[in-house]
Full PDB file with SEQRES, HELIX, SHEET, SSBOND, CRYST1, ORIGX, SCALE, CONECT and MASTER records, all heavy atoms in Angstrom:
SEQRES   1 A   41  PRO VAL ARG LYS LEU ALA GLU ARG PRO VAL TRP LEU SER          
SEQRES   2 A   41  SER GLU GLY ARG PRO VAL SER ASP LEU PRO PRO VAL GLU          
SEQRES   3 A   41  ILE PRO ALA SER ALA PRO ILE GLU PRO ASP VAL THR ASP          
SEQRES   4 A   41  GLY ASN                                                      
HELIX    1 AA1 PRO A   35  VAL A   37  5                                   3    
CRYST1    1.000    1.000    1.000  90.00  90.00  90.00 P 1           1          
ORIGX1      1.000000  0.000000  0.000000        0.00000                         
ORIGX2      0.000000  1.000000  0.000000        0.00000                         
ORIGX3      0.000000  0.000000  1.000000        0.00000                         
SCALE1      1.000000  0.000000  0.000000        0.00000                         
SCALE2      0.000000  1.000000  0.000000        0.00000                         
SCALE3      0.000000  0.000000  1.000000        0.00000                         
ATOM      1  N   PRO A   1      61.476 146.632 276.003  1.00  0.00           N  
ATOM      2  CA  PRO A   1      62.174 147.785 276.554  1.00  0.00           C  
ATOM      3  C   PRO A   1      63.712 147.632 276.557  1.00  0.00           C  
ATOM      4  O   PRO A   1      64.463 148.451 277.149  1.00  0.00           O  
ATOM      5  CB  PRO A   1      61.697 147.852 277.985  1.00  0.00           C  
ATOM      6  CG  PRO A   1      61.354 146.415 278.441  1.00  0.00           C  
ATOM      7  CD  PRO A   1      60.888 145.776 277.165  1.00  0.00           C  
ATOM      8  N   VAL A   2      64.262 146.643 275.902  1.00  0.00           N  
ATOM      9  CA  VAL A   2      65.658 146.362 275.896  1.00  0.00           C  
ATOM     10  C   VAL A   2      66.448 147.525 275.274  1.00  0.00           C  
ATOM     11  O   VAL A   2      66.105 147.995 274.208  1.00  0.00           O  
ATOM     12  CB  VAL A   2      66.129 145.037 275.293  1.00  0.00           C  
ATOM     13  CG1 VAL A   2      67.581 144.921 275.003  1.00  0.00           C  
ATOM     14  CG2 VAL A   2      65.624 143.852 276.120  1.00  0.00           C  
ATOM     15  N   ARG A   3      67.470 147.973 275.862  1.00  0.00           N  
ATOM     16  CA  ARG A   3      68.355 149.022 275.315  1.00  0.00           C  
ATOM     17  C   ARG A   3      69.558 148.339 274.632  1.00  0.00           C  
ATOM     18  O   ARG A   3      70.378 147.619 275.235  1.00  0.00           O  
ATOM     19  CB  ARG A   3      68.894 149.968 276.502  1.00  0.00           C  
ATOM     20  CG  ARG A   3      67.769 150.823 277.103  1.00  0.00           C  
ATOM     21  CD  ARG A   3      68.243 151.556 278.306  1.00  0.00           C  
ATOM     22  NE  ARG A   3      68.485 150.749 279.429  1.00  0.00           N  
ATOM     23  CZ  ARG A   3      67.571 150.248 280.271  1.00  0.00           C  
ATOM     24  NH1 ARG A   3      66.311 150.575 280.070  1.00  0.00           N  
ATOM     25  NH2 ARG A   3      67.916 149.416 281.304  1.00  0.00           N  
ATOM     26  N   LYS A   4      69.577 148.619 273.274  1.00  0.00           N  
ATOM     27  CA  LYS A   4      70.623 147.899 272.458  1.00  0.00           C  
ATOM     28  C   LYS A   4      71.976 148.531 272.829  1.00  0.00           C  
ATOM     29  O   LYS A   4      72.078 149.637 273.139  1.00  0.00           O  
ATOM     30  CB  LYS A   4      70.321 148.153 271.029  1.00  0.00           C  
ATOM     31  CG  LYS A   4      68.941 147.518 270.463  1.00  0.00           C  
ATOM     32  CD  LYS A   4      69.312 146.104 270.032  1.00  0.00           C  
ATOM     33  CE  LYS A   4      68.098 145.497 269.364  1.00  0.00           C  
ATOM     34  NZ  LYS A   4      68.327 144.155 268.867  1.00  0.00           N  
ATOM     35  N   LEU A   5      72.909 147.668 272.506  1.00  0.00           N  
ATOM     36  CA  LEU A   5      74.394 148.086 272.672  1.00  0.00           C  
ATOM     37  C   LEU A   5      74.672 149.052 271.475  1.00  0.00           C  
ATOM     38  O   LEU A   5      74.306 148.759 270.343  1.00  0.00           O  
ATOM     39  CB  LEU A   5      75.324 146.841 272.710  1.00  0.00           C  
ATOM     40  CG  LEU A   5      76.767 147.143 273.013  1.00  0.00           C  
ATOM     41  CD1 LEU A   5      76.991 147.590 274.487  1.00  0.00           C  
ATOM     42  CD2 LEU A   5      77.627 145.911 272.691  1.00  0.00           C  
ATOM     43  N   ALA A   6      75.524 149.983 271.715  1.00  0.00           N  
ATOM     44  CA  ALA A   6      75.887 150.910 270.632  1.00  0.00           C  
ATOM     45  C   ALA A   6      76.694 150.179 269.632  1.00  0.00           C  
ATOM     46  O   ALA A   6      77.388 149.185 269.897  1.00  0.00           O  
ATOM     47  CB  ALA A   6      76.629 152.095 271.241  1.00  0.00           C  
ATOM     48  N   GLU A   7      76.570 150.647 268.397  1.00  0.00           N  
ATOM     49  CA  GLU A   7      77.389 150.031 267.235  1.00  0.00           C  
ATOM     50  C   GLU A   7      78.897 150.164 267.578  1.00  0.00           C  
ATOM     51  O   GLU A   7      79.284 151.177 268.078  1.00  0.00           O  
ATOM     52  CB  GLU A   7      76.992 150.698 265.917  1.00  0.00           C  
ATOM     53  CG  GLU A   7      75.717 150.233 265.319  1.00  0.00           C  
ATOM     54  CD  GLU A   7      75.862 148.782 264.700  1.00  0.00           C  
ATOM     55  OE1 GLU A   7      76.942 148.252 264.674  1.00  0.00           O  
ATOM     56  OE2 GLU A   7      74.815 148.256 264.254  1.00  0.00           O  
ATOM     57  N   ARG A   8      79.612 149.154 267.153  1.00  0.00           N  
ATOM     58  CA  ARG A   8      81.047 149.222 267.354  1.00  0.00           C  
ATOM     59  C   ARG A   8      81.728 150.186 266.327  1.00  0.00           C  
ATOM     60  O   ARG A   8      81.136 150.326 265.224  1.00  0.00           O  
ATOM     61  CB  ARG A   8      81.674 147.793 267.153  1.00  0.00           C  
ATOM     62  CG  ARG A   8      81.108 146.731 268.087  1.00  0.00           C  
ATOM     63  CD  ARG A   8      81.849 145.473 267.991  1.00  0.00           C  
ATOM     64  NE  ARG A   8      81.201 144.420 268.834  1.00  0.00           N  
ATOM     65  CZ  ARG A   8      80.284 143.652 268.537  1.00  0.00           C  
ATOM     66  NH1 ARG A   8      79.717 143.665 267.347  1.00  0.00           N  
ATOM     67  NH2 ARG A   8      79.824 142.767 269.395  1.00  0.00           N  
ATOM     68  N   PRO A   9      82.835 150.729 266.612  1.00  0.00           N  
ATOM     69  CA  PRO A   9      83.426 151.587 265.621  1.00  0.00           C  
ATOM     70  C   PRO A   9      83.964 150.722 264.490  1.00  0.00           C  
ATOM     71  O   PRO A   9      84.111 149.517 264.487  1.00  0.00           O  
ATOM     72  CB  PRO A   9      84.732 152.206 266.363  1.00  0.00           C  
ATOM     73  CG  PRO A   9      84.872 151.269 267.540  1.00  0.00           C  
ATOM     74  CD  PRO A   9      83.585 150.734 267.955  1.00  0.00           C  
ATOM     75  N   VAL A  10      84.156 151.486 263.323  1.00  0.00           N  
ATOM     76  CA  VAL A  10      84.568 150.738 262.113  1.00  0.00           C  
ATOM     77  C   VAL A  10      86.001 150.142 262.355  1.00  0.00           C  
ATOM     78  O   VAL A  10      86.857 150.762 262.863  1.00  0.00           O  
ATOM     79  CB  VAL A  10      84.676 151.796 260.902  1.00  0.00           C  
ATOM     80  CG1 VAL A  10      85.226 151.113 259.693  1.00  0.00           C  
ATOM     81  CG2 VAL A  10      83.295 152.400 260.601  1.00  0.00           C  
ATOM     82  N   TRP A  11      86.026 148.874 262.015  1.00  0.00           N  
ATOM     83  CA  TRP A  11      87.308 148.115 262.171  1.00  0.00           C  
ATOM     84  C   TRP A  11      88.191 148.274 261.016  1.00  0.00           C  
ATOM     85  O   TRP A  11      87.767 148.097 259.838  1.00  0.00           O  
ATOM     86  CB  TRP A  11      87.007 146.676 262.469  1.00  0.00           C  
ATOM     87  CG  TRP A  11      88.213 145.821 262.638  1.00  0.00           C  
ATOM     88  CD1 TRP A  11      89.113 145.825 263.717  1.00  0.00           C  
ATOM     89  CD2 TRP A  11      88.809 144.915 261.712  1.00  0.00           C  
ATOM     90  NE1 TRP A  11      90.117 144.922 263.519  1.00  0.00           N  
ATOM     91  CE2 TRP A  11      90.017 144.372 262.293  1.00  0.00           C  
ATOM     92  CE3 TRP A  11      88.482 144.470 260.385  1.00  0.00           C  
ATOM     93  CZ2 TRP A  11      90.775 143.478 261.563  1.00  0.00           C  
ATOM     94  CZ3 TRP A  11      89.227 143.567 259.704  1.00  0.00           C  
ATOM     95  CH2 TRP A  11      90.346 143.073 260.333  1.00  0.00           C  
ATOM     96  N   LEU A  12      89.481 148.513 261.276  1.00  0.00           N  
ATOM     97  CA  LEU A  12      90.441 148.616 260.153  1.00  0.00           C  
ATOM     98  C   LEU A  12      91.396 147.463 260.287  1.00  0.00           C  
ATOM     99  O   LEU A  12      91.881 147.139 261.389  1.00  0.00           O  
ATOM    100  CB  LEU A  12      91.181 149.972 260.258  1.00  0.00           C  
ATOM    101  CG  LEU A  12      90.376 151.280 260.186  1.00  0.00           C  
ATOM    102  CD1 LEU A  12      91.212 152.459 260.365  1.00  0.00           C  
ATOM    103  CD2 LEU A  12      89.639 151.265 258.843  1.00  0.00           C  
ATOM    104  N   SER A  13      91.806 146.782 259.196  1.00  0.00           N  
ATOM    105  CA  SER A  13      92.624 145.672 259.247  1.00  0.00           C  
ATOM    106  C   SER A  13      94.098 146.143 259.620  1.00  0.00           C  
ATOM    107  O   SER A  13      94.888 145.433 259.992  1.00  0.00           O  
ATOM    108  CB  SER A  13      92.663 144.997 257.931  1.00  0.00           C  
ATOM    109  OG  SER A  13      92.959 145.814 256.857  1.00  0.00           O  
ATOM    110  N   SER A  14      94.304 147.446 259.434  1.00  0.00           N  
ATOM    111  CA  SER A  14      95.582 148.033 259.884  1.00  0.00           C  
ATOM    112  C   SER A  14      95.330 149.517 260.250  1.00  0.00           C  
ATOM    113  O   SER A  14      94.551 150.221 259.594  1.00  0.00           O  
ATOM    114  CB  SER A  14      96.615 148.014 258.653  1.00  0.00           C  
ATOM    115  OG  SER A  14      97.779 148.795 259.004  1.00  0.00           O  
ATOM    116  N   GLU A  15      95.982 149.950 261.370  1.00  0.00           N  
ATOM    117  CA  GLU A  15      95.765 151.332 261.787  1.00  0.00           C  
ATOM    118  C   GLU A  15      96.282 152.287 260.856  1.00  0.00           C  
ATOM    119  O   GLU A  15      95.941 153.530 260.906  1.00  0.00           O  
ATOM    120  CB  GLU A  15      96.476 151.438 263.156  1.00  0.00           C  
ATOM    121  CG  GLU A  15      95.869 150.585 264.249  1.00  0.00           C  
ATOM    122  CD  GLU A  15      96.542 150.753 265.618  1.00  0.00           C  
ATOM    123  OE1 GLU A  15      97.546 151.553 265.581  1.00  0.00           O  
ATOM    124  OE2 GLU A  15      96.159 150.152 266.577  1.00  0.00           O  
ATOM    125  N   GLY A  16      97.204 151.892 259.966  1.00  0.00           N  
ATOM    126  CA  GLY A  16      97.676 152.889 258.945  1.00  0.00           C  
ATOM    127  C   GLY A  16      96.838 153.149 257.820  1.00  0.00           C  
ATOM    128  O   GLY A  16      97.188 154.141 256.996  1.00  0.00           O  
ATOM    129  N   ARG A  17      95.743 152.379 257.735  1.00  0.00           N  
ATOM    130  CA  ARG A  17      94.817 152.559 256.579  1.00  0.00           C  
ATOM    131  C   ARG A  17      93.847 153.586 256.904  1.00  0.00           C  
ATOM    132  O   ARG A  17      93.178 153.403 257.942  1.00  0.00           O  
ATOM    133  CB  ARG A  17      94.275 151.292 256.093  1.00  0.00           C  
ATOM    134  CG  ARG A  17      95.265 150.241 255.608  1.00  0.00           C  
ATOM    135  CD  ARG A  17      94.588 149.130 254.981  1.00  0.00           C  
ATOM    136  NE  ARG A  17      95.573 148.101 254.580  1.00  0.00           N  
ATOM    137  CZ  ARG A  17      95.892 147.037 255.255  1.00  0.00           C  
ATOM    138  NH1 ARG A  17      95.341 146.761 256.415  1.00  0.00           N  
ATOM    139  NH2 ARG A  17      96.839 146.150 254.819  1.00  0.00           N  
ATOM    140  N   PRO A  18      93.496 154.541 256.027  1.00  0.00           N  
ATOM    141  CA  PRO A  18      92.475 155.506 256.404  1.00  0.00           C  
ATOM    142  C   PRO A  18      91.062 154.865 256.177  1.00  0.00           C  
ATOM    143  O   PRO A  18      90.882 153.877 255.359  1.00  0.00           O  
ATOM    144  CB  PRO A  18      92.644 156.645 255.322  1.00  0.00           C  
ATOM    145  CG  PRO A  18      93.279 155.971 254.196  1.00  0.00           C  
ATOM    146  CD  PRO A  18      94.128 154.877 254.714  1.00  0.00           C  
ATOM    147  N   VAL A  19      90.059 155.390 256.845  1.00  0.00           N  
ATOM    148  CA  VAL A  19      88.634 154.890 256.679  1.00  0.00           C  
ATOM    149  C   VAL A  19      88.147 155.492 255.307  1.00  0.00           C  
ATOM    150  O   VAL A  19      88.466 156.595 254.854  1.00  0.00           O  
ATOM    151  CB  VAL A  19      87.716 155.496 257.759  1.00  0.00           C  
ATOM    152  CG1 VAL A  19      86.289 155.053 257.528  1.00  0.00           C  
ATOM    153  CG2 VAL A  19      88.261 155.022 259.040  1.00  0.00           C  
ATOM    154  N   SER A  20      87.507 154.605 254.518  1.00  0.00           N  
ATOM    155  CA  SER A  20      87.007 154.938 253.141  1.00  0.00           C  
ATOM    156  C   SER A  20      86.022 156.210 253.302  1.00  0.00           C  
ATOM    157  O   SER A  20      85.255 156.216 254.235  1.00  0.00           O  
ATOM    158  CB  SER A  20      86.243 153.845 252.521  1.00  0.00           C  
ATOM    159  OG  SER A  20      85.761 154.215 251.300  1.00  0.00           O  
ATOM    160  N   ASP A  21      86.157 157.109 252.442  1.00  0.00           N  
ATOM    161  CA  ASP A  21      85.256 158.314 252.409  1.00  0.00           C  
ATOM    162  C   ASP A  21      83.775 157.823 251.986  1.00  0.00           C  
ATOM    163  O   ASP A  21      82.832 158.576 252.308  1.00  0.00           O  
ATOM    164  CB  ASP A  21      85.752 159.360 251.386  1.00  0.00           C  
ATOM    165  CG  ASP A  21      87.132 159.942 251.861  1.00  0.00           C  
ATOM    166  OD1 ASP A  21      87.388 159.891 253.124  1.00  0.00           O  
ATOM    167  OD2 ASP A  21      87.911 160.382 251.021  1.00  0.00           O  
ATOM    168  N   LEU A  22      83.675 156.761 251.233  1.00  0.00           N  
ATOM    169  CA  LEU A  22      82.416 156.292 250.769  1.00  0.00           C  
ATOM    170  C   LEU A  22      81.633 155.599 251.889  1.00  0.00           C  
ATOM    171  O   LEU A  22      82.326 154.775 252.579  1.00  0.00           O  
ATOM    172  CB  LEU A  22      82.551 155.398 249.537  1.00  0.00           C  
ATOM    173  CG  LEU A  22      83.157 156.087 248.283  1.00  0.00           C  
ATOM    174  CD1 LEU A  22      83.364 155.138 247.169  1.00  0.00           C  
ATOM    175  CD2 LEU A  22      82.325 157.230 247.805  1.00  0.00           C  
ATOM    176  N   PRO A  23      80.414 155.828 252.026  1.00  0.00           N  
ATOM    177  CA  PRO A  23      79.584 155.092 253.013  1.00  0.00           C  
ATOM    178  C   PRO A  23      79.514 153.604 252.576  1.00  0.00           C  
ATOM    179  O   PRO A  23      79.598 153.252 251.457  1.00  0.00           O  
ATOM    180  CB  PRO A  23      78.224 155.795 253.038  1.00  0.00           C  
ATOM    181  CG  PRO A  23      78.229 156.336 251.683  1.00  0.00           C  
ATOM    182  CD  PRO A  23      79.578 156.658 251.238  1.00  0.00           C  
ATOM    183  N   PRO A  24      79.232 152.650 253.535  1.00  0.00           N  
ATOM    184  CA  PRO A  24      79.069 151.333 253.197  1.00  0.00           C  
ATOM    185  C   PRO A  24      77.773 151.080 252.409  1.00  0.00           C  
ATOM    186  O   PRO A  24      76.804 151.856 252.536  1.00  0.00           O  
ATOM    187  CB  PRO A  24      78.982 150.627 254.567  1.00  0.00           C  
ATOM    188  CG  PRO A  24      78.583 151.737 255.510  1.00  0.00           C  
ATOM    189  CD  PRO A  24      79.131 152.896 255.000  1.00  0.00           C  
ATOM    190  N   VAL A  25      77.707 150.089 251.540  1.00  0.00           N  
ATOM    191  CA  VAL A  25      76.540 149.804 250.747  1.00  0.00           C  
ATOM    192  C   VAL A  25      75.510 149.278 251.668  1.00  0.00           C  
ATOM    193  O   VAL A  25      75.681 148.431 252.644  1.00  0.00           O  
ATOM    194  CB  VAL A  25      76.948 148.674 249.719  1.00  0.00           C  
ATOM    195  CG1 VAL A  25      75.668 148.262 248.958  1.00  0.00           C  
ATOM    196  CG2 VAL A  25      77.931 149.196 248.761  1.00  0.00           C  
ATOM    197  N   GLU A  26      74.367 149.785 251.496  1.00  0.00           N  
ATOM    198  CA  GLU A  26      73.153 149.379 252.274  1.00  0.00           C  
ATOM    199  C   GLU A  26      72.751 148.010 251.846  1.00  0.00           C  
ATOM    200  O   GLU A  26      72.419 147.791 250.715  1.00  0.00           O  
ATOM    201  CB  GLU A  26      72.059 150.403 252.270  1.00  0.00           C  
ATOM    202  CG  GLU A  26      72.346 151.722 252.813  1.00  0.00           C  
ATOM    203  CD  GLU A  26      72.532 151.651 254.392  1.00  0.00           C  
ATOM    204  OE1 GLU A  26      71.909 150.781 254.995  1.00  0.00           O  
ATOM    205  OE2 GLU A  26      73.192 152.452 254.968  1.00  0.00           O  
ATOM    206  N   ILE A  27      72.688 147.045 252.830  1.00  0.00           N  
ATOM    207  CA  ILE A  27      72.200 145.759 252.479  1.00  0.00           C  
ATOM    208  C   ILE A  27      70.695 145.665 252.750  1.00  0.00           C  
ATOM    209  O   ILE A  27      70.189 146.024 253.811  1.00  0.00           O  
ATOM    210  CB  ILE A  27      72.891 144.706 253.346  1.00  0.00           C  
ATOM    211  CG1 ILE A  27      74.427 144.729 253.124  1.00  0.00           C  
ATOM    212  CG2 ILE A  27      72.378 143.266 253.073  1.00  0.00           C  
ATOM    213  CD1 ILE A  27      75.131 143.898 253.989  1.00  0.00           C  
ATOM    214  N   PRO A  28      69.918 145.301 251.767  1.00  0.00           N  
ATOM    215  CA  PRO A  28      68.432 145.289 251.882  1.00  0.00           C  
ATOM    216  C   PRO A  28      68.043 144.260 253.040  1.00  0.00           C  
ATOM    217  O   PRO A  28      68.672 143.189 253.139  1.00  0.00           O  
ATOM    218  CB  PRO A  28      67.912 144.809 250.526  1.00  0.00           C  
ATOM    219  CG  PRO A  28      69.109 144.141 249.924  1.00  0.00           C  
ATOM    220  CD  PRO A  28      70.346 144.756 250.379  1.00  0.00           C  
ATOM    221  N   ALA A  29      67.058 144.686 253.667  1.00  0.00           N  
ATOM    222  CA  ALA A  29      66.571 143.803 254.906  1.00  0.00           C  
ATOM    223  C   ALA A  29      65.902 142.651 254.361  1.00  0.00           C  
ATOM    224  O   ALA A  29      65.214 142.642 253.265  1.00  0.00           O  
ATOM    225  CB  ALA A  29      65.650 144.590 255.772  1.00  0.00           C  
ATOM    226  N   SER A  30      65.912 141.557 255.051  1.00  0.00           N  
ATOM    227  CA  SER A  30      65.221 140.286 254.597  1.00  0.00           C  
ATOM    228  C   SER A  30      63.763 140.468 254.760  1.00  0.00           C  
ATOM    229  O   SER A  30      63.230 141.300 255.502  1.00  0.00           O  
ATOM    230  CB  SER A  30      65.684 139.093 255.535  1.00  0.00           C  
ATOM    231  OG  SER A  30      67.072 139.012 255.447  1.00  0.00           O  
ATOM    232  N   ALA A  31      63.007 139.636 254.000  1.00  0.00           N  
ATOM    233  CA  ALA A  31      61.568 139.743 254.031  1.00  0.00           C  
ATOM    234  C   ALA A  31      61.117 139.335 255.319  1.00  0.00           C  
ATOM    235  O   ALA A  31      61.642 138.396 256.018  1.00  0.00           O  
ATOM    236  CB  ALA A  31      60.984 138.873 252.950  1.00  0.00           C  
ATOM    237  N   PRO A  32      60.180 140.085 255.978  1.00  0.00           N  
ATOM    238  CA  PRO A  32      59.656 139.701 257.221  1.00  0.00           C  
ATOM    239  C   PRO A  32      59.076 138.303 257.337  1.00  0.00           C  
ATOM    240  O   PRO A  32      58.346 137.865 256.392  1.00  0.00           O  
ATOM    241  CB  PRO A  32      58.620 140.740 257.527  1.00  0.00           C  
ATOM    242  CG  PRO A  32      58.120 141.201 256.232  1.00  0.00           C  
ATOM    243  CD  PRO A  32      59.341 141.150 255.286  1.00  0.00           C  
ATOM    244  N   ILE A  33      59.320 137.586 258.358  1.00  0.00           N  
ATOM    245  CA  ILE A  33      58.941 136.290 258.559  1.00  0.00           C  
ATOM    246  C   ILE A  33      58.039 136.232 259.874  1.00  0.00           C  
ATOM    247  O   ILE A  33      58.437 136.832 260.871  1.00  0.00           O  
ATOM    248  CB  ILE A  33      60.012 135.189 258.581  1.00  0.00           C  
ATOM    249  CG1 ILE A  33      60.762 135.332 257.335  1.00  0.00           C  
ATOM    250  CG2 ILE A  33      59.580 133.898 258.903  1.00  0.00           C  
ATOM    251  CD1 ILE A  33      61.966 134.398 257.247  1.00  0.00           C  
ATOM    252  N   GLU A  34      57.018 135.506 259.816  1.00  0.00           N  
ATOM    253  CA  GLU A  34      56.131 135.372 261.026  1.00  0.00           C  
ATOM    254  C   GLU A  34      57.086 134.872 262.245  1.00  0.00           C  
ATOM    255  O   GLU A  34      57.799 133.895 262.058  1.00  0.00           O  
ATOM    256  CB  GLU A  34      55.039 134.476 260.827  1.00  0.00           C  
ATOM    257  CG  GLU A  34      54.062 134.911 259.842  1.00  0.00           C  
ATOM    258  CD  GLU A  34      52.895 134.014 259.647  1.00  0.00           C  
ATOM    259  OE1 GLU A  34      52.753 133.136 260.459  1.00  0.00           O  
ATOM    260  OE2 GLU A  34      52.113 134.152 258.668  1.00  0.00           O  
ATOM    261  N   PRO A  35      56.905 135.568 263.457  1.00  0.00           N  
ATOM    262  CA  PRO A  35      57.803 135.127 264.502  1.00  0.00           C  
ATOM    263  C   PRO A  35      57.675 133.630 264.883  1.00  0.00           C  
ATOM    264  O   PRO A  35      58.580 133.065 265.243  1.00  0.00           O  
ATOM    265  CB  PRO A  35      57.258 135.996 265.620  1.00  0.00           C  
ATOM    266  CG  PRO A  35      56.577 137.161 265.006  1.00  0.00           C  
ATOM    267  CD  PRO A  35      56.014 136.679 263.716  1.00  0.00           C  
ATOM    268  N   ASP A  36      56.422 133.078 264.733  1.00  0.00           N  
ATOM    269  CA  ASP A  36      56.344 131.742 265.331  1.00  0.00           C  
ATOM    270  C   ASP A  36      56.831 130.641 264.313  1.00  0.00           C  
ATOM    271  O   ASP A  36      56.719 129.528 264.615  1.00  0.00           O  
ATOM    272  CB  ASP A  36      54.867 131.418 265.646  1.00  0.00           C  
ATOM    273  CG  ASP A  36      53.957 131.575 264.410  1.00  0.00           C  
ATOM    274  OD1 ASP A  36      54.407 132.185 263.471  1.00  0.00           O  
ATOM    275  OD2 ASP A  36      52.836 131.144 264.483  1.00  0.00           O  
ATOM    276  N   VAL A  37      57.335 131.046 263.209  1.00  0.00           N  
ATOM    277  CA  VAL A  37      57.943 130.067 262.346  1.00  0.00           C  
ATOM    278  C   VAL A  37      59.491 130.089 262.248  1.00  0.00           C  
ATOM    279  O   VAL A  37      60.065 129.339 261.586  1.00  0.00           O  
ATOM    280  CB  VAL A  37      57.457 130.210 260.883  1.00  0.00           C  
ATOM    281  CG1 VAL A  37      55.943 130.161 260.826  1.00  0.00           C  
ATOM    282  CG2 VAL A  37      57.887 131.501 260.219  1.00  0.00           C  
ATOM    283  N   THR A  38      60.034 131.041 263.087  1.00  0.00           N  
ATOM    284  CA  THR A  38      61.500 130.968 263.197  1.00  0.00           C  
ATOM    285  C   THR A  38      61.807 130.159 264.431  1.00  0.00           C  
ATOM    286  O   THR A  38      61.065 130.072 265.335  1.00  0.00           O  
ATOM    287  CB  THR A  38      61.942 132.405 263.365  1.00  0.00           C  
ATOM    288  OG1 THR A  38      61.516 132.982 264.531  1.00  0.00           O  
ATOM    289  CG2 THR A  38      61.679 133.309 262.142  1.00  0.00           C  
ATOM    290  N   ASP A  39      62.956 129.515 264.363  1.00  0.00           N  
ATOM    291  CA  ASP A  39      63.360 128.745 265.454  1.00  0.00           C  
ATOM    292  C   ASP A  39      64.850 128.792 265.504  1.00  0.00           C  
ATOM    293  O   ASP A  39      65.617 129.420 264.640  1.00  0.00           O  
ATOM    294  CB  ASP A  39      62.873 127.331 265.318  1.00  0.00           C  
ATOM    295  CG  ASP A  39      62.696 126.713 266.628  1.00  0.00           C  
ATOM    296  OD1 ASP A  39      63.616 126.369 267.272  1.00  0.00           O  
ATOM    297  OD2 ASP A  39      61.455 126.548 266.925  1.00  0.00           O  
ATOM    298  N   GLY A  40      65.493 128.208 266.519  1.00  0.00           N  
ATOM    299  CA  GLY A  40      66.927 128.478 266.641  1.00  0.00           C  
ATOM    300  C   GLY A  40      67.894 127.382 267.017  1.00  0.00           C  
ATOM    301  O   GLY A  40      67.537 126.239 267.354  1.00  0.00           O  
ATOM    302  N   ASN A  41      69.107 127.889 266.956  1.00  0.00           N  
ATOM    303  CA  ASN A  41      70.257 127.095 267.371  1.00  0.00           C  
ATOM    304  C   ASN A  41      70.272 126.972 268.869  1.00  0.00           C  
ATOM    305  O   ASN A  41      69.676 127.910 269.510  1.00  0.00           O  
ATOM    306  CB  ASN A  41      71.586 127.698 266.857  1.00  0.00           C  
ATOM    307  CG  ASN A  41      72.753 126.833 267.132  1.00  0.00           C  
ATOM    308  OD1 ASN A  41      72.566 125.594 267.247  1.00  0.00           O  
ATOM    309  ND2 ASN A  41      73.850 127.350 267.051  1.00  0.00           N  
TER     310      ASN A  41                                                      
MASTER        0    0    0    1    0    0    0    6  309    1    0    4          
END                                                                             
């Protein structure tokens, strides 16, 4: 039931630069991995 934090606004390296009209390239999702084989830092 966790409510995710809203996505942050697009970051610009300079306020004088306009946001690109083109949408960002969609990065394909990683292949699903069984939960019990992932581990962590």
